[in-house]
Amino acid sequence: MVDRGRTGTPRLTDLEPGTVQRSQLRLRITDIAWTALCTVLLLWAVHSSIGLVRGATAWAYCAVAWVLLAVALTLRVLTLRRRTRL
């Protein structure tokens, strides 16, 4: 069903290209993806650190997990700063 305004042109629905909701949806999905990535990396880093203390895992897994978490968080902060400047 198309809602026509006074001029007779069809109005845009919420998620059509060019609408505010469409750009907000893209940003929201990006936020969810970054949060999920950082959460998984944090869990992996903590798990490997506990394993390292217990002697069950190699130190390389722990180091890689913490480095990847640091890189992901740095990129996330830079992305947020760039988004607010635009």
C-alpha atoms as a PDB file:
ATOM      1  CA  MET A   1       0.000   0.000   0.000  1.00  0.00           C
ATOM      2  CA  VAL A   2       1.439   3.349  -1.013  1.00  0.00           C
ATOM      3  CA  ASP A   3       0.688   6.395   1.081  1.00  0.00           C
ATOM      4  CA  ARG A   4       0.447   9.398  -1.203  1.00  0.00           C
ATOM      5  CA  GLY A   5       0.969  12.911   0.052  1.00  0.00           C
ATOM      6  CA  ARG A   6      -0.663  16.047  -1.253  1.00  0.00           C
ATOM      7  CA  THR A   7       1.549  16.145  -4.348  1.00  0.00           C
ATOM      8  CA  GLY A   8       0.664  12.617  -5.414  1.00  0.00           C
ATOM      9  CA  THR A   9       4.202  11.240  -5.150  1.00  0.00           C
ATOM     10  CA  PRO A  10       4.747   8.065  -3.130  1.00  0.00           C
ATOM     11  CA  ARG A  11       6.435   8.513   0.230  1.00  0.00           C
ATOM     12  CA  LEU A  12       9.545   6.556   1.140  1.00  0.00           C
ATOM     13  CA  THR A  13       9.143   3.684   3.554  1.00  0.00           C
ATOM     14  CA  ASP A  14      11.403   3.368   6.584  1.00  0.00           C
ATOM     15  CA  LEU A  15      14.214   1.261   5.131  1.00  0.00           C
ATOM     16  CA  GLU A  16      14.454   2.467   1.551  1.00  0.00           C
ATOM     17  CA  PRO A  17      17.827   3.776   0.367  1.00  0.00           C
ATOM     18  CA  GLY A  18      18.347   7.409   1.230  1.00  0.00           C
ATOM     19  CA  THR A  19      16.316   7.418   4.430  1.00  0.00           C
ATOM     20  CA  VAL A  20      17.683   8.230   7.863  1.00  0.00           C
ATOM     21  CA  GLN A  21      16.524   4.882   9.221  1.00  0.00           C
ATOM     22  CA  ARG A  22      18.569   3.043   6.585  1.00  0.00           C
ATOM     23  CA  SER A  23      21.802   4.747   7.624  1.00  0.00           C
ATOM     24  CA  GLN A  24      20.970   4.242  11.299  1.00  0.00           C
ATOM     25  CA  LEU A  25      20.363   0.541  10.655  1.00  0.00           C
ATOM     26  CA  ARG A  26      23.752   0.182   8.989  1.00  0.00           C
ATOM     27  CA  LEU A  27      25.454   1.859  11.951  1.00  0.00           C
ATOM     28  CA  ARG A  28      23.525  -0.275  14.438  1.00  0.00           C
ATOM     29  CA  ILE A  29      24.524  -3.508  12.684  1.00  0.00           C
ATOM     30  CA  THR A  30      28.135  -2.322  12.642  1.00  0.00           C
ATOM     31  CA  ASP A  31      27.976  -1.599  16.387  1.00  0.00           C
ATOM     32  CA  ILE A  32      26.581  -5.066  17.083  1.00  0.00           C
ATOM     33  CA  ALA A  33      29.307  -6.713  14.988  1.00  0.00           C
ATOM     34  CA  TRP A  34      32.099  -4.776  16.736  1.00  0.00           C
ATOM     35  CA  THR A  35      30.648  -5.599  20.143  1.00  0.00           C
ATOM     36  CA  ALA A  36      30.420  -9.290  19.288  1.00  0.00           C
ATOM     37  CA  LEU A  37      34.000  -9.355  17.983  1.00  0.00           C
ATOM     38  CA  CYS A  38      35.399  -7.612  21.053  1.00  0.00           C
ATOM     39  CA  THR A  39      33.422  -9.887  23.378  1.00  0.00           C
ATOM     40  CA  VAL A  40      34.682 -13.053  21.691  1.00  0.00           C
ATOM     41  CA  LEU A  41      38.267 -11.782  21.715  1.00  0.00           C
ATOM     42  CA  LEU A  42      37.990 -10.807  25.382  1.00  0.00           C
ATOM     43  CA  LEU A  43      36.637 -14.229  26.333  1.00  0.00           C
ATOM     44  CA  TRP A  44      39.402 -15.913  24.350  1.00  0.00           C
ATOM     45  CA  ALA A  45      42.076 -13.742  25.968  1.00  0.00           C
ATOM     46  CA  VAL A  46      40.802 -14.377  29.494  1.00  0.00           C
ATOM     47  CA  HIS A  47      40.413 -18.104  28.830  1.00  0.00           C
ATOM     48  CA  SER A  48      43.927 -18.398  27.432  1.00  0.00           C
ATOM     49  CA  SER A  49      45.324 -16.366  30.342  1.00  0.00           C
ATOM     50  CA  ILE A  50      43.682 -18.695  32.843  1.00  0.00           C
ATOM     51  CA  GLY A  51      45.014 -21.652  30.879  1.00  0.00           C
ATOM     52  CA  LEU A  52      48.461 -20.100  30.867  1.00  0.00           C
ATOM     53  CA  VAL A  53      48.398 -19.722  34.650  1.00  0.00           C
ATOM     54  CA  ARG A  54      47.327 -23.350  35.012  1.00  0.00           C
ATOM     55  CA  GLY A  55      49.971 -24.452  32.518  1.00  0.00           C
ATOM     56  CA  ALA A  56      47.438 -25.990  30.131  1.00  0.00           C
ATOM     57  CA  THR A  57      48.014 -23.800  27.101  1.00  0.00           C
ATOM     58  CA  ALA A  58      50.915 -22.208  25.260  1.00  0.00           C
ATOM     59  CA  TRP A  59      51.887 -18.591  25.875  1.00  0.00           C
ATOM     60  CA  ALA A  60      51.536 -17.820  22.146  1.00  0.00           C
ATOM     61  CA  TYR A  61      47.748 -18.252  22.262  1.00  0.00           C
ATOM     62  CA  CYS A  62      47.546 -15.832  25.171  1.00  0.00           C
ATOM     63  CA  ALA A  63      49.749 -13.241  23.457  1.00  0.00           C
ATOM     64  CA  VAL A  64      47.857 -13.459  20.152  1.00  0.00           C
ATOM     65  CA  ALA A  65      44.511 -13.119  21.907  1.00  0.00           C
ATOM     66  CA  TRP A  66      45.542  -9.980  23.785  1.00  0.00           C
ATOM     67  CA  VAL A  67      47.153  -8.417  20.700  1.00  0.00           C
ATOM     68  CA  LEU A  68      44.065  -9.052  18.580  1.00  0.00           C
ATOM     69  CA  LEU A  69      41.845  -7.612  21.316  1.00  0.00           C
ATOM     70  CA  ALA A  70      44.026  -4.500  21.524  1.00  0.00           C
ATOM     71  CA  VAL A  71      43.932  -4.049  17.744  1.00  0.00           C
ATOM     72  CA  ALA A  72      40.152  -4.523  17.602  1.00  0.00           C
ATOM     73  CA  LEU A  73      39.538  -2.051  20.421  1.00  0.00           C
ATOM     74  CA  THR A  74      41.883   0.504  18.865  1.00  0.00           C
ATOM     75  CA  LEU A  75      40.125   0.246  15.518  1.00  0.00           C
ATOM     76  CA  ARG A  76      36.763   0.525  17.260  1.00  0.00           C
ATOM     77  CA  VAL A  77      37.761   3.723  19.057  1.00  0.00           C
ATOM     78  CA  LEU A  78      39.168   5.224  15.856  1.00  0.00           C
ATOM     79  CA  THR A  79      35.981   4.327  14.006  1.00  0.00           C
ATOM     80  CA  LEU A  80      33.819   5.988  16.645  1.00  0.00           C
ATOM     81  CA  ARG A  81      35.958   9.146  16.612  1.00  0.00           C
ATOM     82  CA  ARG A  82      35.802   9.349  12.823  1.00  0.00           C
ATOM     83  CA  ARG A  83      32.031   8.799  12.852  1.00  0.00           C
ATOM     84  CA  THR A  84      31.437  11.698  15.245  1.00  0.00           C
ATOM     85  CA  ARG A  85      33.575  14.053  13.114  1.00  0.00           C
ATOM     86  CA  LEU A  86      31.636  13.323   9.942  1.00  0.00           C
END
